[in-house]
Protein backbone atom coordinates (compact mmCIF):
# COMPACT_ATOMS: atom_id res chain seq x y z
CA MET A 1 111.63 191.50 144.78
CA ARG A 2 112.85 190.57 141.34
CA ASN A 3 114.07 193.28 139.12
CA GLY A 4 111.92 192.09 136.10
CA LYS A 5 108.81 192.99 138.04
CA LEU A 6 109.87 196.63 138.41
CA ARG A 7 109.10 197.54 134.82
CA TYR A 8 107.17 200.90 135.12
CA ARG A 9 108.97 204.36 135.44
CA VAL A 10 107.14 206.44 138.06
CA GLU A 11 107.55 209.75 139.80
CA LEU A 12 107.32 210.07 143.49
CA GLN A 13 106.02 213.56 144.38
CA LYS A 14 105.33 215.61 147.58
CA GLN A 15 103.42 218.58 148.27
CA VAL A 16 105.34 221.95 148.62
CA ALA A 17 103.70 224.89 150.15
CA THR A 18 105.09 228.31 149.16
CA ARG A 19 104.29 231.88 149.56
CA SER A 20 104.18 234.70 146.88
CA PRO A 21 106.77 237.28 147.98
CA THR A 22 104.52 240.03 146.66
CA SER A 23 100.92 239.15 147.75
CA GLY A 24 101.78 236.66 150.61
CA ALA A 25 99.30 234.19 149.16
CA LYS A 26 99.99 230.63 149.91
CA SER A 27 100.09 228.10 146.96
CA VAL A 28 100.52 224.35 147.16
CA THR A 29 102.29 222.61 144.26
CA TRP A 30 103.65 218.99 143.70
CA GLU A 31 107.45 218.51 143.42
CA THR A 32 108.97 215.45 142.07
CA VAL A 33 111.37 213.86 144.66
CA ASP A 34 112.56 210.88 142.56
CA THR A 35 111.91 208.91 139.49
CA VAL A 36 112.13 205.13 140.22
CA TRP A 37 111.26 201.76 138.59
CA ALA A 38 108.06 200.14 140.15
CA ALA A 39 105.61 197.31 139.89
CA ILE A 40 102.03 198.61 139.62
CA GLU A 41 99.50 195.76 140.38
CA PRO A 42 95.71 196.32 140.62
CA LEU A 43 94.22 194.53 143.51
CA SER A 44 92.25 191.32 142.70
CA VAL A 45 88.53 191.19 143.68
CA ARG A 46 89.39 188.98 146.47
CA GLU A 47 91.93 191.26 147.87
CA PHE A 48 89.64 194.26 147.40
CA ILE A 49 86.87 192.60 149.50
CA GLN A 50 89.23 191.52 152.20
CA SER A 51 90.50 195.09 152.66
CA GLY A 52 87.03 196.11 153.58
CA ALA A 53 86.17 197.86 150.26
CA ALA A 54 83.27 199.72 151.87
CA GLN A 55 85.71 201.78 153.81
CA SER A 56 88.77 201.45 151.75
CA ALA A 57 89.53 203.14 148.45
CA VAL A 58 92.72 201.15 147.98
CA THR A 59 92.56 199.79 144.39
CA THR A 60 96.25 199.41 143.41
CA ARG A 61 99.50 198.09 144.91
CA VAL A 62 102.79 199.92 143.84
CA VAL A 63 106.20 198.21 144.82
CA ILE A 64 109.39 200.13 144.80
CA ARG A 65 113.01 199.51 146.02
CA PHE A 66 113.40 200.95 149.53
CA ILE A 67 113.67 204.66 149.68
CA GLU A 68 113.92 206.64 152.99
CA GLY A 69 111.38 209.10 153.99
CA ILE A 70 108.18 208.28 151.92
CA ASP A 71 104.96 208.77 153.75
CA ALA A 72 101.23 208.74 152.92
CA SER A 73 101.17 212.43 152.12
CA TRP A 74 103.18 211.73 148.85
CA ARG A 75 101.77 210.35 145.52
CA VAL A 76 102.98 208.16 142.63
CA VAL A 77 102.56 209.43 139.08
CA TYR A 78 102.66 207.09 136.05
CA GLY A 79 102.07 208.77 132.87
CA SER A 80 98.66 210.56 133.32
CA ARG A 81 97.59 208.36 136.22
CA ILE A 82 97.99 209.61 139.79
CA TYR A 83 98.00 207.22 142.67
CA ASN A 84 97.50 208.62 146.28
CA ILE A 85 99.62 206.75 148.77
CA GLU A 86 97.46 205.23 151.53
CA GLY A 87 100.24 203.68 153.49
CA VAL A 88 103.84 202.54 153.42
CA LEU A 89 104.72 198.99 154.16
CA PRO A 90 108.26 197.74 154.55
CA ASP A 91 109.21 194.17 153.37
CA PRO A 92 108.46 191.71 156.02
CA LYS A 93 111.76 189.94 155.84
CA TYR A 94 114.39 192.57 156.01
CA GLY A 95 112.35 195.86 156.22
CA ARG A 96 114.76 197.74 153.81
CA HIS A 97 114.80 196.01 150.38
CA TYR A 98 111.48 197.16 149.06
CA LEU A 99 108.32 199.08 149.99
CA THR A 100 104.75 198.24 149.30
CA LEU A 101 102.54 201.28 148.73
CA PRO A 102 98.80 200.67 148.90
CA CYS A 103 97.30 203.36 146.61
CA SER A 104 93.88 204.89 145.60
CA ASP A 105 93.26 206.33 142.23
CA GLY A 106 92.65 210.06 141.56
CA VAL A 107 93.64 213.45 142.67
CA SER A 108 93.17 214.23 146.45
CA ASP A 109 95.92 216.86 146.90
CA GLY A 110 97.44 214.78 149.63
CA GLN A 111 94.39 215.00 152.00
């Protein structure tokens, strides 16, 4: 992965569940875990069709340098855009240089 392609500053967020000490009510919020440089690439029509678009909501590919612990319950935030991570794919050659995150648009609260 060439550094020049990683030109967007994005936030990686995960859900955090907390309980109110007074009422005991559970609330779920998003916590920023890290801010990293990323490449954000919309899928081409051909890739969209090949991915089985009828079942797949994947519309975007986000590529970042390797970070331990990311999973599909996290999300990527770029400005006002929210991308739900649908999977985490390590680089095919070494496995620890970069991650490809197939993403869908919109808010799904990690579901």
